[in-house]
């Protein structure tokens, strides 16, 4: 066990965990930030996507020792009142069905929009390719990203 200081959603938090503990489990089990979901455990589905220094990353395969001191943003930290343009667009387009993948989808889309203000269909498809939605709401996800980009 070791103590790591994390900068999560604008706050410094100390955790005492094994250096190889995945960030996902530290967020969920140690910091009670349960918006980030476990999907596959091998960084293939995107349900666990968070931002590390502004870049979308899969937290299920990211050892805590590799993110100590970096700025981590979870779905809970994306906006104070769930009023991020993507969160508003998600509601407008009725994107969620089961909702399980949605935090990861939104975090990946937010990273895309921070890098490409007005992405094309091809850019959206490419950026979102790694996020799986078992309900198949891909067309609504794309529409919501376009709406958020236009706001």
N, C-alpha and C. Protein backbone atom coordinates (compact mmCIF):
# COMPACT_ATOMS: atom_id res chain seq x y z
N UNK A 1 0.84 -1.18 0.00
CA UNK A 1 0.00 0.00 0.00
C UNK A 1 0.89 1.24 0.00
N UNK A 2 0.34 2.27 -0.65
CA UNK A 2 1.04 3.55 -0.70
C UNK A 2 -0.01 4.64 -0.71
N UNK A 3 0.38 5.84 -0.32
CA UNK A 3 -0.53 6.97 -0.33
C UNK A 3 -0.28 7.78 -1.59
N UNK A 4 -1.36 8.05 -2.32
CA UNK A 4 -1.31 8.85 -3.54
C UNK A 4 -2.21 10.05 -3.37
N UNK A 5 -1.75 11.20 -3.86
CA UNK A 5 -2.58 12.39 -3.88
C UNK A 5 -3.10 12.57 -5.29
N UNK A 6 -4.42 12.60 -5.41
CA UNK A 6 -5.07 12.77 -6.70
C UNK A 6 -5.77 14.11 -6.74
N UNK A 7 -5.83 14.70 -7.92
CA UNK A 7 -6.59 15.93 -8.15
C UNK A 7 -7.84 15.53 -8.92
N UNK A 8 -8.92 15.27 -8.20
CA UNK A 8 -10.15 14.77 -8.80
C UNK A 8 -11.23 15.83 -8.73
N UNK A 9 -11.75 16.20 -9.90
CA UNK A 9 -12.84 17.18 -9.99
C UNK A 9 -12.53 18.45 -9.22
N UNK A 10 -11.26 18.88 -9.32
CA UNK A 10 -10.85 20.14 -8.71
C UNK A 10 -10.45 20.06 -7.25
N UNK A 11 -10.50 18.87 -6.66
CA UNK A 11 -10.13 18.72 -5.25
C UNK A 11 -8.97 17.74 -5.11
N UNK A 12 -8.07 18.04 -4.17
CA UNK A 12 -7.00 17.10 -3.87
C UNK A 12 -7.55 16.05 -2.91
N UNK A 13 -7.28 14.79 -3.24
CA UNK A 13 -7.77 13.68 -2.42
C UNK A 13 -6.62 12.70 -2.22
N UNK A 14 -6.43 12.26 -0.98
CA UNK A 14 -5.41 11.26 -0.68
C UNK A 14 -6.07 9.90 -0.58
N UNK A 15 -5.42 8.91 -1.18
CA UNK A 15 -5.90 7.53 -1.09
C UNK A 15 -4.73 6.62 -0.74
N UNK A 16 -5.02 5.61 0.04
CA UNK A 16 -4.01 4.63 0.43
C UNK A 16 -4.37 3.31 -0.22
N UNK A 17 -3.71 3.02 -1.34
CA UNK A 17 -4.01 1.83 -2.13
C UNK A 17 -2.73 1.25 -2.72
N UNK A 18 -2.83 0.07 -3.26
CA UNK A 18 -1.71 -0.54 -3.97
C UNK A 18 -1.43 0.26 -5.25
N UNK A 19 -0.18 0.47 -5.61
CA UNK A 19 0.16 1.27 -6.79
C UNK A 19 -0.46 0.78 -8.10
N UNK A 20 -0.76 -0.51 -8.19
CA UNK A 20 -1.32 -1.05 -9.43
C UNK A 20 -2.85 -1.08 -9.43
N UNK A 21 -3.49 -0.52 -8.42
CA UNK A 21 -4.95 -0.47 -8.39
C UNK A 21 -5.45 0.40 -9.53
N UNK A 22 -6.39 -0.11 -10.33
CA UNK A 22 -6.93 0.71 -11.42
C UNK A 22 -7.66 1.95 -10.89
N UNK A 23 -7.49 3.05 -11.60
CA UNK A 23 -8.14 4.30 -11.23
C UNK A 23 -9.65 4.12 -11.04
N UNK A 24 -10.28 3.31 -11.88
CA UNK A 24 -11.73 3.09 -11.76
C UNK A 24 -12.12 2.68 -10.35
N UNK A 25 -11.39 1.73 -9.78
CA UNK A 25 -11.75 1.22 -8.46
C UNK A 25 -11.44 2.21 -7.37
N UNK A 26 -10.42 3.03 -7.55
CA UNK A 26 -10.14 4.08 -6.57
C UNK A 26 -11.28 5.10 -6.60
N UNK A 27 -11.72 5.49 -7.79
CA UNK A 27 -12.83 6.44 -7.89
C UNK A 27 -14.08 5.88 -7.23
N UNK A 28 -14.43 4.66 -7.55
CA UNK A 28 -15.68 4.06 -7.07
C UNK A 28 -15.60 3.63 -5.60
N UNK A 29 -14.55 2.91 -5.24
CA UNK A 29 -14.48 2.30 -3.92
C UNK A 29 -13.88 3.18 -2.84
N UNK A 30 -12.95 4.05 -3.22
CA UNK A 30 -12.28 4.88 -2.22
C UNK A 30 -12.83 6.30 -2.17
N UNK A 31 -13.30 6.81 -3.29
CA UNK A 31 -13.75 8.20 -3.33
C UNK A 31 -15.26 8.33 -3.51
N UNK A 32 -15.96 7.22 -3.60
CA UNK A 32 -17.43 7.20 -3.73
C UNK A 32 -17.93 8.00 -4.94
N UNK A 33 -17.16 8.00 -6.01
CA UNK A 33 -17.56 8.63 -7.27
C UNK A 33 -18.00 7.49 -8.19
N UNK A 34 -19.28 7.15 -8.14
CA UNK A 34 -19.76 5.95 -8.81
C UNK A 34 -20.37 6.23 -10.19
N UNK A 35 -20.26 7.43 -10.69
CA UNK A 35 -20.76 7.73 -12.03
C UNK A 35 -19.96 7.03 -13.11
N UNK A 36 -18.69 6.83 -12.87
CA UNK A 36 -17.83 6.10 -13.80
C UNK A 36 -18.11 4.62 -13.62
N UNK A 37 -18.44 3.94 -14.71
CA UNK A 37 -18.91 2.56 -14.63
C UNK A 37 -17.84 1.54 -15.05
N UNK A 38 -17.97 0.34 -14.52
CA UNK A 38 -17.18 -0.80 -14.95
C UNK A 38 -17.96 -1.49 -16.06
N UNK A 39 -17.30 -1.69 -17.19
CA UNK A 39 -17.96 -2.38 -18.29
C UNK A 39 -17.28 -3.69 -18.62
N UNK A 40 -16.05 -3.61 -19.10
CA UNK A 40 -15.37 -4.82 -19.57
C UNK A 40 -14.09 -5.12 -18.79
N UNK A 41 -13.47 -4.12 -18.23
CA UNK A 41 -12.24 -4.32 -17.48
C UNK A 41 -10.98 -4.41 -18.33
N UNK A 42 -11.12 -4.29 -19.65
CA UNK A 42 -9.95 -4.38 -20.54
C UNK A 42 -9.86 -3.18 -21.49
N UNK A 43 -10.48 -2.06 -21.11
CA UNK A 43 -10.39 -0.80 -21.85
C UNK A 43 -10.95 -0.87 -23.26
N UNK A 44 -11.94 -1.72 -23.49
CA UNK A 44 -12.50 -1.87 -24.83
C UNK A 44 -13.90 -1.27 -25.01
N UNK A 45 -14.64 -1.05 -23.93
CA UNK A 45 -16.04 -0.64 -24.09
C UNK A 45 -16.27 0.85 -23.86
N UNK A 46 -15.43 1.50 -23.08
CA UNK A 46 -15.54 2.93 -22.86
C UNK A 46 -16.42 3.37 -21.70
N UNK A 47 -17.08 2.45 -21.01
CA UNK A 47 -17.96 2.83 -19.90
C UNK A 47 -17.21 3.54 -18.78
N UNK A 48 -15.92 3.27 -18.66
CA UNK A 48 -15.11 3.82 -17.57
C UNK A 48 -14.34 5.08 -17.96
N UNK A 49 -14.70 5.72 -19.06
CA UNK A 49 -13.93 6.86 -19.56
C UNK A 49 -13.99 8.06 -18.60
N UNK A 50 -12.82 8.60 -18.31
CA UNK A 50 -12.65 9.83 -17.54
C UNK A 50 -11.64 10.69 -18.29
N UNK A 51 -11.44 11.90 -17.83
CA UNK A 51 -10.40 12.76 -18.41
C UNK A 51 -9.20 12.77 -17.48
N UNK A 52 -8.03 12.59 -18.04
CA UNK A 52 -6.78 12.73 -17.31
C UNK A 52 -6.00 13.83 -18.03
N UNK A 53 -5.81 14.93 -17.34
CA UNK A 53 -5.19 16.12 -17.94
C UNK A 53 -5.89 16.49 -19.24
N UNK A 54 -7.22 16.36 -19.26
CA UNK A 54 -8.03 16.78 -20.40
C UNK A 54 -8.20 15.76 -21.50
N UNK A 55 -7.54 14.62 -21.39
CA UNK A 55 -7.61 13.58 -22.42
C UNK A 55 -8.49 12.44 -21.94
N UNK A 56 -9.39 11.98 -22.81
CA UNK A 56 -10.25 10.85 -22.47
C UNK A 56 -9.40 9.59 -22.34
N UNK A 57 -9.55 8.91 -21.20
CA UNK A 57 -8.79 7.68 -20.94
C UNK A 57 -9.69 6.67 -20.25
N UNK A 58 -9.37 5.41 -20.44
CA UNK A 58 -10.12 4.32 -19.83
C UNK A 58 -9.57 4.05 -18.43
N UNK A 59 -10.37 4.31 -17.42
CA UNK A 59 -9.88 4.22 -16.05
C UNK A 59 -9.75 2.79 -15.54
N UNK A 60 -10.36 1.82 -16.21
CA UNK A 60 -10.31 0.43 -15.73
C UNK A 60 -8.93 -0.19 -15.89
N UNK A 61 -8.12 0.36 -16.78
CA UNK A 61 -6.80 -0.22 -17.02
C UNK A 61 -5.66 0.75 -16.71
N UNK A 62 -5.98 1.81 -15.99
CA UNK A 62 -5.01 2.85 -15.68
C UNK A 62 -4.57 2.73 -14.22
N UNK A 63 -3.34 2.25 -13.97
CA UNK A 63 -2.91 2.11 -12.58
C UNK A 63 -2.82 3.47 -11.89
N UNK A 64 -3.22 3.48 -10.64
CA UNK A 64 -3.27 4.73 -9.89
C UNK A 64 -1.91 5.43 -9.84
N UNK A 65 -0.83 4.66 -9.81
CA UNK A 65 0.50 5.27 -9.75
C UNK A 65 0.79 6.11 -11.00
N UNK A 66 0.12 5.84 -12.11
CA UNK A 66 0.39 6.59 -13.34
C UNK A 66 -0.38 7.90 -13.41
N UNK A 67 -1.32 8.13 -12.51
CA UNK A 67 -2.12 9.36 -12.58
C UNK A 67 -1.96 10.26 -11.36
N UNK A 68 -1.14 9.86 -10.41
CA UNK A 68 -0.92 10.68 -9.22
C UNK A 68 -0.43 12.06 -9.65
N UNK A 69 -1.06 13.09 -9.12
CA UNK A 69 -0.69 14.47 -9.42
C UNK A 69 -1.28 15.02 -10.70
N UNK A 70 -1.95 14.20 -11.48
CA UNK A 70 -2.57 14.67 -12.72
C UNK A 70 -4.01 15.10 -12.44
N UNK A 71 -4.54 15.94 -13.30
CA UNK A 71 -5.90 16.43 -13.15
C UNK A 71 -6.87 15.39 -13.71
N UNK A 72 -7.73 14.85 -12.84
CA UNK A 72 -8.70 13.83 -13.22
C UNK A 72 -10.09 14.44 -13.14
N UNK A 73 -10.87 14.25 -14.21
CA UNK A 73 -12.25 14.72 -14.22
C UNK A 73 -13.16 13.54 -14.51
N UNK A 74 -14.14 13.35 -13.65
CA UNK A 74 -15.14 12.31 -13.84
C UNK A 74 -16.44 12.96 -14.30
N UNK A 75 -17.44 12.16 -14.60
CA UNK A 75 -18.74 12.69 -15.00
C UNK A 75 -19.30 13.62 -13.92
N UNK A 76 -19.01 13.32 -12.65
CA UNK A 76 -19.50 14.19 -11.57
C UNK A 76 -18.86 15.57 -11.62
N UNK A 77 -17.67 15.67 -12.19
CA UNK A 77 -16.95 16.94 -12.24
C UNK A 77 -17.07 17.67 -13.57
N UNK A 78 -17.79 17.09 -14.51
CA UNK A 78 -17.91 17.73 -15.83
C UNK A 78 -18.63 19.07 -15.72
N UNK A 79 -19.65 19.14 -14.88
CA UNK A 79 -20.35 20.40 -14.63
C UNK A 79 -20.96 20.33 -13.24
N UNK A 80 -21.17 21.49 -12.65
CA UNK A 80 -21.68 21.52 -11.29
C UNK A 80 -23.14 21.11 -11.19
N UNK A 81 -23.93 21.50 -12.18
CA UNK A 81 -25.38 21.29 -12.11
C UNK A 81 -25.91 20.46 -13.27
N UNK A 82 -25.10 19.59 -13.82
CA UNK A 82 -25.48 18.78 -14.99
C UNK A 82 -25.95 19.67 -16.14
N UNK A 83 -25.25 20.80 -16.29
CA UNK A 83 -25.64 21.76 -17.34
C UNK A 83 -24.55 21.93 -18.41
N UNK A 84 -23.68 20.97 -18.51
CA UNK A 84 -22.71 20.98 -19.61
C UNK A 84 -23.51 20.85 -20.90
N UNK A 85 -23.11 21.52 -21.98
CA UNK A 85 -23.87 21.43 -23.24
C UNK A 85 -24.15 19.99 -23.69
N UNK A 86 -23.23 19.08 -23.44
CA UNK A 86 -23.48 17.68 -23.82
C UNK A 86 -24.57 17.06 -22.95
N UNK A 87 -24.56 17.35 -21.67
CA UNK A 87 -25.59 16.80 -20.78
C UNK A 87 -26.98 17.33 -21.16
N UNK A 88 -27.03 18.59 -21.53
CA UNK A 88 -28.31 19.17 -21.98
C UNK A 88 -28.75 18.53 -23.29
N UNK A 89 -27.82 18.40 -24.23
CA UNK A 89 -28.15 17.80 -25.53
C UNK A 89 -28.54 16.33 -25.36
N UNK A 90 -27.91 15.63 -24.44
CA UNK A 90 -28.24 14.22 -24.19
C UNK A 90 -29.72 14.10 -23.80
N UNK A 91 -30.18 15.02 -22.95
CA UNK A 91 -31.59 15.01 -22.53
C UNK A 91 -32.49 15.39 -23.70
N UNK A 92 -32.10 16.40 -24.44
CA UNK A 92 -32.90 16.88 -25.57
C UNK A 92 -33.13 15.79 -26.61
N UNK A 93 -32.13 14.97 -26.84
CA UNK A 93 -32.22 13.91 -27.85
C UNK A 93 -32.62 12.55 -27.26
N UNK A 94 -32.97 12.53 -25.98
CA UNK A 94 -33.36 11.27 -25.32
C UNK A 94 -32.36 10.16 -25.59
N UNK A 95 -31.10 10.46 -25.39
CA UNK A 95 -30.05 9.49 -25.71
C UNK A 95 -30.10 8.25 -24.82
N UNK A 96 -30.13 8.41 -23.49
CA UNK A 96 -30.00 7.21 -22.66
C UNK A 96 -31.20 6.27 -22.74
N UNK A 97 -30.91 5.01 -22.76
CA UNK A 97 -31.95 4.00 -22.58
C UNK A 97 -31.64 3.32 -21.26
N UNK A 98 -30.74 2.35 -21.26
CA UNK A 98 -30.39 1.76 -19.97
C UNK A 98 -29.50 2.72 -19.19
N UNK A 99 -28.73 3.56 -19.91
CA UNK A 99 -27.92 4.57 -19.28
C UNK A 99 -26.54 4.13 -18.83
N UNK A 100 -26.26 2.85 -18.89
CA UNK A 100 -25.02 2.35 -18.31
C UNK A 100 -23.77 2.96 -18.95
N UNK A 101 -23.76 3.11 -20.25
CA UNK A 101 -22.57 3.60 -20.94
C UNK A 101 -22.50 5.12 -21.02
N UNK A 102 -23.54 5.78 -20.61
CA UNK A 102 -23.68 7.20 -20.92
C UNK A 102 -22.60 8.10 -20.32
N UNK A 103 -22.17 7.84 -19.11
CA UNK A 103 -21.11 8.68 -18.54
C UNK A 103 -19.85 8.60 -19.39
N UNK A 104 -19.49 7.39 -19.80
CA UNK A 104 -18.32 7.21 -20.65
C UNK A 104 -18.50 7.86 -22.01
N UNK A 105 -19.70 7.73 -22.57
CA UNK A 105 -20.00 8.36 -23.86
C UNK A 105 -19.85 9.88 -23.76
N UNK A 106 -20.44 10.46 -22.73
CA UNK A 106 -20.38 11.92 -22.55
C UNK A 106 -18.95 12.38 -22.33
N UNK A 107 -18.20 11.66 -21.51
CA UNK A 107 -16.81 12.07 -21.25
C UNK A 107 -15.96 11.98 -22.52
N UNK A 108 -16.18 10.97 -23.33
CA UNK A 108 -15.44 10.85 -24.59
C UNK A 108 -15.85 11.98 -25.54
N UNK A 109 -17.14 12.26 -25.61
CA UNK A 109 -17.62 13.34 -26.48
C UNK A 109 -17.10 14.69 -26.01
N UNK A 110 -17.02 14.90 -24.70
CA UNK A 110 -16.51 16.18 -24.18
C UNK A 110 -15.05 16.36 -24.57
N UNK A 111 -14.29 15.28 -24.54
CA UNK A 111 -12.89 15.36 -24.97
C UNK A 111 -12.81 15.71 -26.46
N UNK A 112 -13.66 15.08 -27.26
CA UNK A 112 -13.71 15.40 -28.69
C UNK A 112 -14.00 16.88 -28.90
N UNK A 113 -15.04 17.40 -28.25
CA UNK A 113 -15.43 18.79 -28.46
C UNK A 113 -14.39 19.78 -27.93
N UNK A 114 -13.61 19.37 -26.95
CA UNK A 114 -12.56 20.27 -26.46
C UNK A 114 -11.42 20.38 -27.47
N UNK A 115 -11.29 19.38 -28.34
CA UNK A 115 -10.24 19.38 -29.35
C UNK A 115 -10.73 19.81 -30.72
N UNK A 116 -12.02 19.56 -31.01
CA UNK A 116 -12.61 19.86 -32.31
C UNK A 116 -13.97 20.49 -32.06
N UNK A 117 -14.04 21.81 -32.17
CA UNK A 117 -15.25 22.53 -31.79
C UNK A 117 -16.48 22.16 -32.61
N UNK A 118 -16.28 21.88 -33.90
CA UNK A 118 -17.40 21.57 -34.77
C UNK A 118 -17.06 20.32 -35.59
N UNK A 119 -17.11 19.14 -34.95
CA UNK A 119 -16.66 17.94 -35.65
C UNK A 119 -17.61 17.49 -36.76
N UNK A 120 -17.04 16.92 -37.79
CA UNK A 120 -17.82 16.33 -38.88
C UNK A 120 -18.37 14.99 -38.43
N UNK A 121 -19.27 14.42 -39.22
CA UNK A 121 -19.78 13.09 -38.93
C UNK A 121 -18.64 12.07 -38.83
N UNK A 122 -17.71 12.16 -39.75
CA UNK A 122 -16.58 11.22 -39.76
C UNK A 122 -15.72 11.39 -38.51
N UNK A 123 -15.51 12.64 -38.08
CA UNK A 123 -14.72 12.87 -36.87
C UNK A 123 -15.44 12.35 -35.62
N UNK A 124 -16.75 12.53 -35.58
CA UNK A 124 -17.53 11.99 -34.45
C UNK A 124 -17.45 10.48 -34.45
N UNK A 125 -17.68 9.87 -35.61
CA UNK A 125 -17.63 8.41 -35.71
C UNK A 125 -16.26 7.88 -35.26
N UNK A 126 -15.21 8.52 -35.71
CA UNK A 126 -13.87 8.08 -35.36
C UNK A 126 -13.60 8.23 -33.86
N UNK A 127 -13.96 9.38 -33.30
CA UNK A 127 -13.70 9.63 -31.88
C UNK A 127 -14.53 8.73 -30.96
N UNK A 128 -15.75 8.42 -31.38
CA UNK A 128 -16.66 7.67 -30.51
C UNK A 128 -16.61 6.16 -30.77
N UNK A 129 -15.84 5.73 -31.74
CA UNK A 129 -15.80 4.33 -32.14
C UNK A 129 -15.53 3.37 -30.97
N UNK A 130 -14.73 3.75 -30.02
CA UNK A 130 -14.38 2.86 -28.92
C UNK A 130 -15.38 2.79 -27.80
N UNK A 131 -16.46 3.56 -27.87
CA UNK A 131 -17.48 3.53 -26.83
C UNK A 131 -18.67 2.71 -27.30
N UNK A 132 -18.92 1.64 -26.59
CA UNK A 132 -19.99 0.72 -26.97
C UNK A 132 -21.28 1.07 -26.24
N UNK A 133 -22.37 1.13 -26.98
CA UNK A 133 -23.70 1.32 -26.41
C UNK A 133 -24.50 0.06 -26.73
N UNK A 134 -24.78 -0.72 -25.72
CA UNK A 134 -25.49 -1.97 -25.94
C UNK A 134 -26.93 -1.74 -26.40
N UNK A 135 -27.47 -0.56 -26.13
CA UNK A 135 -28.84 -0.24 -26.56
C UNK A 135 -28.88 0.28 -28.00
N UNK A 136 -27.73 0.63 -28.55
CA UNK A 136 -27.65 1.06 -29.94
C UNK A 136 -28.13 2.48 -30.19
N UNK A 137 -27.88 3.39 -29.27
CA UNK A 137 -28.35 4.77 -29.45
C UNK A 137 -27.35 5.64 -30.21
N UNK A 138 -26.56 5.05 -31.06
CA UNK A 138 -25.49 5.77 -31.74
C UNK A 138 -25.98 6.97 -32.55
N UNK A 139 -27.11 6.86 -33.23
CA UNK A 139 -27.61 8.00 -34.01
C UNK A 139 -28.00 9.16 -33.11
N UNK A 140 -28.60 8.85 -31.95
CA UNK A 140 -28.95 9.92 -31.01
C UNK A 140 -27.70 10.51 -30.36
N UNK A 141 -26.71 9.68 -30.11
CA UNK A 141 -25.45 10.19 -29.56
C UNK A 141 -24.82 11.18 -30.53
N UNK A 142 -24.77 10.81 -31.80
CA UNK A 142 -24.19 11.71 -32.80
C UNK A 142 -24.98 13.01 -32.89
N UNK A 143 -26.31 12.91 -32.89
CA UNK A 143 -27.14 14.11 -32.94
C UNK A 143 -26.91 15.00 -31.72
N UNK A 144 -26.77 14.41 -30.56
CA UNK A 144 -26.54 15.19 -29.35
C UNK A 144 -25.18 15.88 -29.40
N UNK A 145 -24.16 15.19 -29.91
CA UNK A 145 -22.83 15.82 -30.03
C UNK A 145 -22.92 17.01 -30.98
N UNK A 146 -23.63 16.87 -32.09
CA UNK A 146 -23.79 17.98 -33.03
C UNK A 146 -24.52 19.16 -32.38
N UNK A 147 -25.57 18.85 -31.63
CA UNK A 147 -26.31 19.92 -30.92
C UNK A 147 -25.41 20.63 -29.92
N UNK A 148 -24.65 19.87 -29.15
CA UNK A 148 -23.75 20.48 -28.17
C UNK A 148 -22.69 21.32 -28.86
N UNK A 149 -22.18 20.86 -29.99
CA UNK A 149 -21.17 21.61 -30.73
C UNK A 149 -21.72 22.93 -31.24
N UNK A 150 -23.01 22.95 -31.57
CA UNK A 150 -23.62 24.17 -32.10
C UNK A 150 -23.99 25.17 -31.01
N UNK A 151 -23.98 24.72 -29.75
CA UNK A 151 -24.40 25.64 -28.67
C UNK A 151 -23.28 26.52 -28.18
